[in-house]
Amino acid sequence: MKYQGFIFDLDGVIVFTDKFHYQAWKKMADGMGIYFDEVINNRLRGVSRAESLEIILERYEGEPLSAEKKAELMESKNTMYRELLATMTPADVADDVRSALKKMREAGLKLAIGSSSKNAKFILERVDLMDAFDAISDGTNITHSKPHPEVFQKAGEFLGLDSSQCVVVEDAYAGIDAAKAAHMTAVGIGDASGYDKADYKIQNFVELLKIAGIE
């Protein structure tokens, strides 16, 4: 096989929690009297919690916020988000995603998560996918969020693979940029399937099996 490892973004690729992010940020923004809609929410995809807050605060017109207040707002949002995540079950992972991951591991490929989220492990536990991956690189072990390549570089290191052996699967432009900065092959799915920087553009998860050389 041409590639030895596949690194997956979590949100928007393996599971879909955008609605939970939106609901939690929306509640926080409403409480601050800040206008927030789904268009603004789309700008938050693939970036860190702190950067997401700064984007939301672009429309804030009150007194300057201290670092402590910003930390409080982020924690409030995350508490709401985790409450929503707790409602997730294994049924929130599509059958074709679960099946494709199983086939890839059976073929000897190493699989990892590369996510900016600090809730990645919690989500994987809720949907019963912790055992599907050999490594998890997430917001708890990085200092730079996408489009910086760190999260994917660390995932590659955790898998014991060189960047040339790794494929990144992403649904966000920032994620594709991060994959290319890490010198890895980039697969765009969802919104990123229209990004010209992606090496492969797919419409559904099962197409990864062909890229992997399994089917």
C-alpha atoms as a PDB file:
ATOM      1  CA  MET A   1       0.000   0.000   0.000  1.00  0.00           C
ATOM      2  CA  LYS A   2       1.171   3.498  -0.862  1.00  0.00           C
ATOM      3  CA  TYR A   3       0.227   4.894   2.558  1.00  0.00           C
ATOM      4  CA  GLN A   4       0.753   3.459   6.032  1.00  0.00           C
ATOM      5  CA  GLY A   5      -1.367   5.725   8.190  1.00  0.00           C
ATOM      6  CA  PHE A   6      -4.565   7.772   8.032  1.00  0.00           C
ATOM      7  CA  ILE A   7      -5.164  10.717  10.362  1.00  0.00           C
ATOM      8  CA  PHE A   8      -8.734  11.927  10.730  1.00  0.00           C
ATOM      9  CA  ASP A   9     -10.142  15.198  11.886  1.00  0.00           C
ATOM     10  CA  LEU A  10     -12.963  14.304  14.269  1.00  0.00           C
ATOM     11  CA  ASP A  11     -15.752  16.841  13.977  1.00  0.00           C
ATOM     12  CA  GLY A  12     -17.236  16.860  10.491  1.00  0.00           C
ATOM     13  CA  VAL A  13     -15.407  13.699   9.405  1.00  0.00           C
ATOM     14  CA  ILE A  14     -16.037  10.943  11.963  1.00  0.00           C
ATOM     15  CA  VAL A  15     -18.873  12.602  13.877  1.00  0.00           C
ATOM     16  CA  PHE A  16     -20.937  15.744  13.424  1.00  0.00           C
ATOM     17  CA  THR A  17     -21.141  18.009  16.456  1.00  0.00           C
ATOM     18  CA  ASP A  18     -21.338  21.355  14.664  1.00  0.00           C
ATOM     19  CA  LYS A  19     -24.898  21.817  15.913  1.00  0.00           C
ATOM     20  CA  PHE A  20     -23.714  21.413  19.505  1.00  0.00           C
ATOM     21  CA  HIS A  21     -20.895  23.923  19.037  1.00  0.00           C
ATOM     22  CA  TYR A  22     -23.340  26.356  17.495  1.00  0.00           C
ATOM     23  CA  GLN A  23     -25.925  25.975  20.266  1.00  0.00           C
ATOM     24  CA  ALA A  24     -23.314  26.434  23.000  1.00  0.00           C
ATOM     25  CA  TRP A  25     -21.595  29.448  21.396  1.00  0.00           C
ATOM     26  CA  LYS A  26     -25.004  30.949  20.565  1.00  0.00           C
ATOM     27  CA  LYS A  27     -26.127  30.736  24.193  1.00  0.00           C
ATOM     28  CA  MET A  28     -22.885  32.350  25.345  1.00  0.00           C
ATOM     29  CA  ALA A  29     -23.097  35.109  22.717  1.00  0.00           C
ATOM     30  CA  ASP A  30     -26.750  35.825  23.480  1.00  0.00           C
ATOM     31  CA  GLY A  31     -25.862  36.192  27.147  1.00  0.00           C
ATOM     32  CA  MET A  32     -23.281  38.839  26.176  1.00  0.00           C
ATOM     33  CA  GLY A  33     -25.634  40.618  23.778  1.00  0.00           C
ATOM     34  CA  ILE A  34     -23.426  39.678  20.805  1.00  0.00           C
ATOM     35  CA  TYR A  35     -24.902  38.919  17.404  1.00  0.00           C
ATOM     36  CA  PHE A  36     -24.045  35.363  16.338  1.00  0.00           C
ATOM     37  CA  ASP A  37     -25.360  33.261  13.471  1.00  0.00           C
ATOM     38  CA  GLU A  38     -24.460  30.141  11.486  1.00  0.00           C
ATOM     39  CA  VAL A  39     -22.366  32.121   8.999  1.00  0.00           C
ATOM     40  CA  ILE A  40     -20.122  33.314  11.814  1.00  0.00           C
ATOM     41  CA  ASN A  41     -20.190  29.807  13.293  1.00  0.00           C
ATOM     42  CA  ASN A  42     -18.726  28.407  10.062  1.00  0.00           C
ATOM     43  CA  ARG A  43     -15.629  30.565  10.618  1.00  0.00           C
ATOM     44  CA  LEU A  44     -14.974  28.672  13.848  1.00  0.00           C
ATOM     45  CA  ARG A  45     -14.462  25.305  12.195  1.00  0.00           C
ATOM     46  CA  GLY A  46     -11.070  23.752  12.827  1.00  0.00           C
ATOM     47  CA  VAL A  47      -9.786  26.558  15.064  1.00  0.00           C
ATOM     48  CA  SER A  48      -9.158  26.582  18.807  1.00  0.00           C
ATOM     49  CA  ARG A  49     -11.630  27.597  21.472  1.00  0.00           C
ATOM     50  CA  ALA A  50      -9.676  30.776  22.241  1.00  0.00           C
ATOM     51  CA  GLU A  51      -9.527  31.790  18.580  1.00  0.00           C
ATOM     52  CA  SER A  52     -13.237  31.010  18.206  1.00  0.00           C
ATOM     53  CA  LEU A  53     -14.035  33.335  21.096  1.00  0.00           C
ATOM     54  CA  GLU A  54     -12.009  36.142  19.500  1.00  0.00           C
ATOM     55  CA  ILE A  55     -13.975  35.765  16.266  1.00  0.00           C
ATOM     56  CA  ILE A  56     -17.253  36.015  18.177  1.00  0.00           C
ATOM     57  CA  LEU A  57     -15.989  39.026  20.099  1.00  0.00           C
ATOM     58  CA  GLU A  58     -15.424  40.937  16.854  1.00  0.00           C
ATOM     59  CA  ARG A  59     -19.043  42.073  17.260  1.00  0.00           C
ATOM     60  CA  TYR A  60     -18.737  42.796  20.972  1.00  0.00           C
ATOM     61  CA  GLU A  61     -19.270  46.486  21.802  1.00  0.00           C
ATOM     62  CA  GLY A  62     -18.908  46.551  25.571  1.00  0.00           C
ATOM     63  CA  GLU A  63     -15.984  47.259  27.880  1.00  0.00           C
ATOM     64  CA  PRO A  64     -12.720  45.424  27.123  1.00  0.00           C
ATOM     65  CA  LEU A  65     -12.714  41.925  28.590  1.00  0.00           C
ATOM     66  CA  SER A  66      -9.985  40.680  30.889  1.00  0.00           C
ATOM     67  CA  ALA A  67      -8.166  37.422  30.266  1.00  0.00           C
ATOM     68  CA  GLU A  68     -10.004  36.017  33.278  1.00  0.00           C
ATOM     69  CA  LYS A  69     -13.404  36.942  31.833  1.00  0.00           C
ATOM     70  CA  LYS A  70     -12.507  35.391  28.491  1.00  0.00           C
ATOM     71  CA  ALA A  71     -11.437  32.206  30.255  1.00  0.00           C
ATOM     72  CA  GLU A  72     -14.760  32.221  32.125  1.00  0.00           C
ATOM     73  CA  LEU A  73     -16.703  32.593  28.858  1.00  0.00           C
ATOM     74  CA  MET A  74     -14.794  29.725  27.237  1.00  0.00           C
ATOM     75  CA  GLU A  75     -15.396  27.487  30.225  1.00  0.00           C
ATOM     76  CA  SER A  76     -19.091  28.367  30.207  1.00  0.00           C
ATOM     77  CA  LYS A  77     -19.337  27.485  26.535  1.00  0.00           C
ATOM     78  CA  ASN A  78     -17.466  24.223  27.031  1.00  0.00           C
ATOM     79  CA  THR A  79     -19.693  23.205  29.937  1.00  0.00           C
ATOM     80  CA  MET A  80     -22.774  23.694  27.749  1.00  0.00           C
ATOM     81  CA  TYR A  81     -21.085  21.882  24.869  1.00  0.00           C
ATOM     82  CA  ARG A  82     -20.133  18.861  26.992  1.00  0.00           C
ATOM     83  CA  GLU A  83     -23.694  18.635  28.316  1.00  0.00           C
ATOM     84  CA  LEU A  84     -24.862  18.366  24.716  1.00  0.00           C
ATOM     85  CA  LEU A  85     -22.092  15.892  23.826  1.00  0.00           C
ATOM     86  CA  ALA A  86     -23.222  13.674  26.678  1.00  0.00           C
ATOM     87  CA  THR A  87     -26.380  12.950  24.685  1.00  0.00           C
ATOM     88  CA  MET A  88     -24.340  11.290  21.918  1.00  0.00           C
ATOM     89  CA  THR A  89     -24.485   7.515  21.398  1.00  0.00           C
ATOM     90  CA  PRO A  90     -22.835   4.990  19.033  1.00  0.00           C
ATOM     91  CA  ALA A  91     -25.760   5.647  16.675  1.00  0.00           C
ATOM     92  CA  ASP A  92     -24.207   9.063  15.960  1.00  0.00           C
ATOM     93  CA  VAL A  93     -21.504   7.373  13.855  1.00  0.00           C
ATOM     94  CA  ALA A  94     -22.649   6.353  10.375  1.00  0.00           C
ATOM     95  CA  ASP A  95     -22.459   2.632   9.600  1.00  0.00           C
ATOM     96  CA  ASP A  96     -20.255   3.232   6.552  1.00  0.00           C
ATOM     97  CA  VAL A  97     -17.760   5.205   8.658  1.00  0.00           C
ATOM     98  CA  ARG A  98     -17.544   2.473  11.292  1.00  0.00           C
ATOM     99  CA  SER A  99     -17.246  -0.233   8.620  1.00  0.00           C
ATOM    100  CA  ALA A 100     -14.546   1.596   6.640  1.00  0.00           C
ATOM    101  CA  LEU A 101     -12.454   2.199   9.758  1.00  0.00           C
ATOM    102  CA  LYS A 102     -12.670  -1.503  10.599  1.00  0.00           C
ATOM    103  CA  LYS A 103     -11.563  -2.523   7.102  1.00  0.00           C
ATOM    104  CA  MET A 104      -8.636  -0.094   7.175  1.00  0.00           C
ATOM    105  CA  ARG A 105      -7.340  -1.471  10.459  1.00  0.00           C
ATOM    106  CA  GLU A 106      -7.814  -5.054   9.291  1.00  0.00           C
ATOM    107  CA  ALA A 107      -5.703  -4.176   6.247  1.00  0.00           C
ATOM    108  CA  GLY A 108      -2.856  -3.163   8.561  1.00  0.00           C
ATOM    109  CA  LEU A 109      -3.181   0.609   8.325  1.00  0.00           C
ATOM    110  CA  LYS A 110      -2.487   2.718  11.385  1.00  0.00           C
ATOM    111  CA  LEU A 111      -5.272   5.138  12.265  1.00  0.00           C
ATOM    112  CA  ALA A 112      -5.193   8.308  14.344  1.00  0.00           C
ATOM    113  CA  ILE A 113      -7.354  11.257  15.297  1.00  0.00           C
ATOM    114  CA  GLY A 114      -5.926  14.732  14.637  1.00  0.00           C
ATOM    115  CA  SER A 115      -8.319  17.221  16.222  1.00  0.00           C
ATOM    116  CA  SER A 116      -7.974  20.648  17.806  1.00  0.00           C
ATOM    117  CA  SER A 117     -10.748  19.713  20.230  1.00  0.00           C
ATOM    118  CA  LYS A 118      -9.977  19.083  23.880  1.00  0.00           C
ATOM    119  CA  ASN A 119     -13.118  16.958  23.989  1.00  0.00           C
ATOM    120  CA  ALA A 120     -11.972  14.407  21.402  1.00  0.00           C
ATOM    121  CA  LYS A 121     -11.543  11.490  23.810  1.00  0.00           C
ATOM    122  CA  PHE A 122     -14.854  12.247  25.519  1.00  0.00           C
ATOM    123  CA  ILE A 123     -16.641  12.186  22.147  1.00  0.00           C
ATOM    124  CA  LEU A 124     -14.936   8.953  21.079  1.00  0.00           C
ATOM    125  CA  GLU A 125     -15.970   7.318  24.341  1.00  0.00           C
ATOM    126  CA  ARG A 126     -19.582   8.420  23.885  1.00  0.00           C
ATOM    127  CA  VAL A 127     -19.772   6.929  20.376  1.00  0.00           C
ATOM    128  CA  ASP A 128     -17.738   3.809  21.261  1.00  0.00           C
ATOM    129  CA  LEU A 129     -14.814   4.484  18.914  1.00  0.00           C
ATOM    130  CA  MET A 130     -11.877   4.751  21.311  1.00  0.00           C
ATOM    131  CA  ASP A 131     -10.610   1.325  20.227  1.00  0.00           C
ATOM    132  CA  ALA A 132     -10.840   2.199  16.525  1.00  0.00           C
ATOM    133  CA  PHE A 133      -7.698   4.365  16.626  1.00  0.00           C
ATOM    134  CA  ASP A 134      -4.063   3.657  17.389  1.00  0.00           C
ATOM    135  CA  ALA A 135      -3.344   7.221  18.515  1.00  0.00           C
ATOM    136  CA  ILE A 136      -5.117  10.451  19.404  1.00  0.00           C
ATOM    137  CA  SER A 137      -3.585  13.883  18.904  1.00  0.00           C
ATOM    138  CA  ASP A 138      -5.919  16.588  20.143  1.00  0.00           C
ATOM    139  CA  GLY A 139      -6.238  19.922  21.880  1.00  0.00           C
ATOM    140  CA  THR A 140      -4.742  18.501  25.079  1.00  0.00           C
ATOM    141  CA  ASN A 141      -1.308  17.912  23.545  1.00  0.00           C
ATOM    142  CA  ILE A 142      -0.821  20.837  21.158  1.00  0.00           C
ATOM    143  CA  THR A 143      -0.012  24.519  21.560  1.00  0.00           C
ATOM    144  CA  HIS A 144      -0.936  25.615  18.017  1.00  0.00           C
ATOM    145  CA  SER A 145      -4.255  24.994  16.293  1.00  0.00           C
ATOM    146  CA  LYS A 146      -4.872  24.495  12.585  1.00  0.00           C
ATOM    147  CA  PRO A 147      -3.735  25.705  10.062  1.00  0.00           C
ATOM    148  CA  HIS A 148      -0.531  25.089  12.021  1.00  0.00           C
ATOM    149  CA  PRO A 149       0.587  21.499  11.288  1.00  0.00           C
ATOM    150  CA  GLU A 150       1.392  20.544  14.900  1.00  0.00           C
ATOM    151  CA  VAL A 151      -1.678  18.374  15.556  1.00  0.00           C
ATOM    152  CA  PHE A 152      -0.950  16.235  12.493  1.00  0.00           C
ATOM    153  CA  GLN A 153       2.790  16.149  13.044  1.00  0.00           C
ATOM    154  CA  LYS A 154       2.202  14.798  16.549  1.00  0.00           C
ATOM    155  CA  ALA A 155      -0.304  12.263  15.258  1.00  0.00           C
ATOM    156  CA  GLY A 156       2.311  11.021  12.796  1.00  0.00           C
ATOM    157  CA  GLU A 157       4.860  10.793  15.592  1.00  0.00           C
ATOM    158  CA  PHE A 158       2.415   8.859  17.784  1.00  0.00           C
ATOM    159  CA  LEU A 159       1.909   6.398  14.913  1.00  0.00           C
ATOM    160  CA  GLY A 160       5.657   6.134  14.349  1.00  0.00           C
ATOM    161  CA  LEU A 161       5.334   7.199  10.714  1.00  0.00           C
ATOM    162  CA  ASP A 162       7.045   9.725   8.446  1.00  0.00           C
ATOM    163  CA  SER A 163       4.884  12.472   6.986  1.00  0.00           C
ATOM    164  CA  SER A 164       5.185  10.946   3.500  1.00  0.00           C
ATOM    165  CA  GLN A 165       3.423   7.817   4.799  1.00  0.00           C
ATOM    166  CA  CYS A 166       0.441   9.697   6.240  1.00  0.00           C
ATOM    167  CA  VAL A 167      -2.883  10.770   4.784  1.00  0.00           C
ATOM    168  CA  VAL A 168      -5.004  13.419   6.526  1.00  0.00           C
ATOM    169  CA  VAL A 169      -8.786  13.440   6.095  1.00  0.00           C
ATOM    170  CA  GLU A 170     -10.316  16.876   6.694  1.00  0.00           C
ATOM    171  CA  ASP A 171     -13.557  18.760   6.135  1.00  0.00           C
ATOM    172  CA  ALA A 172     -12.162  22.247   6.807  1.00  0.00           C
ATOM    173  CA  TYR A 173      -9.909  24.439   4.690  1.00  0.00           C
ATOM    174  CA  ALA A 174      -7.725  25.171   7.734  1.00  0.00           C
ATOM    175  CA  GLY A 175      -7.277  21.438   8.193  1.00  0.00           C
ATOM    176  CA  ILE A 176      -6.180  20.923   4.602  1.00  0.00           C
ATOM    177  CA  ASP A 177      -3.705  23.791   4.997  1.00  0.00           C
ATOM    178  CA  ALA A 178      -2.386  22.137   8.165  1.00  0.00           C
ATOM    179  CA  ALA A 179      -1.999  18.785   6.422  1.00  0.00           C
ATOM    180  CA  LYS A 180      -0.058  20.320   3.544  1.00  0.00           C
ATOM    181  CA  ALA A 181       2.120  22.275   5.994  1.00  0.00           C
ATOM    182  CA  ALA A 182       2.893  18.927   7.652  1.00  0.00           C
ATOM    183  CA  HIS A 183       3.915  17.566   4.217  1.00  0.00           C
ATOM    184  CA  MET A 184       1.178  14.956   4.333  1.00  0.00           C
ATOM    185  CA  THR A 185      -1.293  13.874   1.669  1.00  0.00           C
ATOM    186  CA  ALA A 186      -4.593  15.716   2.154  1.00  0.00           C
ATOM    187  CA  VAL A 187      -8.072  14.369   1.484  1.00  0.00           C
ATOM    188  CA  GLY A 188     -10.920  16.863   1.424  1.00  0.00           C
ATOM    189  CA  ILE A 189     -14.409  15.737   2.388  1.00  0.00           C
ATOM    190  CA  GLY A 190     -17.532  17.807   3.059  1.00  0.00           C
ATOM    191  CA  ASP A 191     -16.792  21.511   2.668  1.00  0.00           C
ATOM    192  CA  ALA A 192     -13.123  20.789   1.959  1.00  0.00           C
ATOM    193  CA  SER A 193     -14.000  18.601  -1.038  1.00  0.00           C
ATOM    194  CA  GLY A 194     -14.109  21.836  -3.009  1.00  0.00           C
ATOM    195  CA  TYR A 195     -10.687  23.054  -1.876  1.00  0.00           C
ATOM    196  CA  ASP A 196      -8.095  23.055  -4.654  1.00  0.00           C
ATOM    197  CA  LYS A 197      -5.236  22.384  -2.201  1.00  0.00           C
ATOM    198  CA  ALA A 198      -6.626  18.925  -1.369  1.00  0.00           C
ATOM    199  CA  ASP A 199      -4.763  16.072  -3.067  1.00  0.00           C
ATOM    200  CA  TYR A 200      -7.927  13.989  -3.168  1.00  0.00           C
ATOM    201  CA  LYS A 201     -11.526  15.196  -3.067  1.00  0.00           C
ATOM    202  CA  ILE A 202     -14.186  12.727  -1.952  1.00  0.00           C
ATOM    203  CA  GLN A 203     -17.927  12.866  -1.421  1.00  0.00           C
ATOM    204  CA  ASN A 204     -18.304   9.988   1.019  1.00  0.00           C
ATOM    205  CA  PHE A 205     -16.178   8.223   3.603  1.00  0.00           C
ATOM    206  CA  VAL A 206     -16.105   4.869   1.807  1.00  0.00           C
ATOM    207  CA  GLU A 207     -14.041   6.383  -1.025  1.00  0.00           C
ATOM    208  CA  LEU A 208     -11.105   6.344   1.400  1.00  0.00           C
ATOM    209  CA  LEU A 209     -10.812   2.594   0.894  1.00  0.00           C
ATOM    210  CA  LYS A 210      -9.823   3.136  -2.733  1.00  0.00           C
ATOM    211  CA  ILE A 211      -7.249   5.778  -1.749  1.00  0.00           C
ATOM    212  CA  ALA A 212      -5.905   3.332   0.833  1.00  0.00           C
ATOM    213  CA  GLY A 213      -5.550   0.667  -1.843  1.00  0.00           C
ATOM    214  CA  ILE A 214      -7.980  -1.685  -0.125  1.00  0.00           C
ATOM    215  CA  GLU A 215     -10.741  -1.605  -2.753  1.00  0.00           C
END
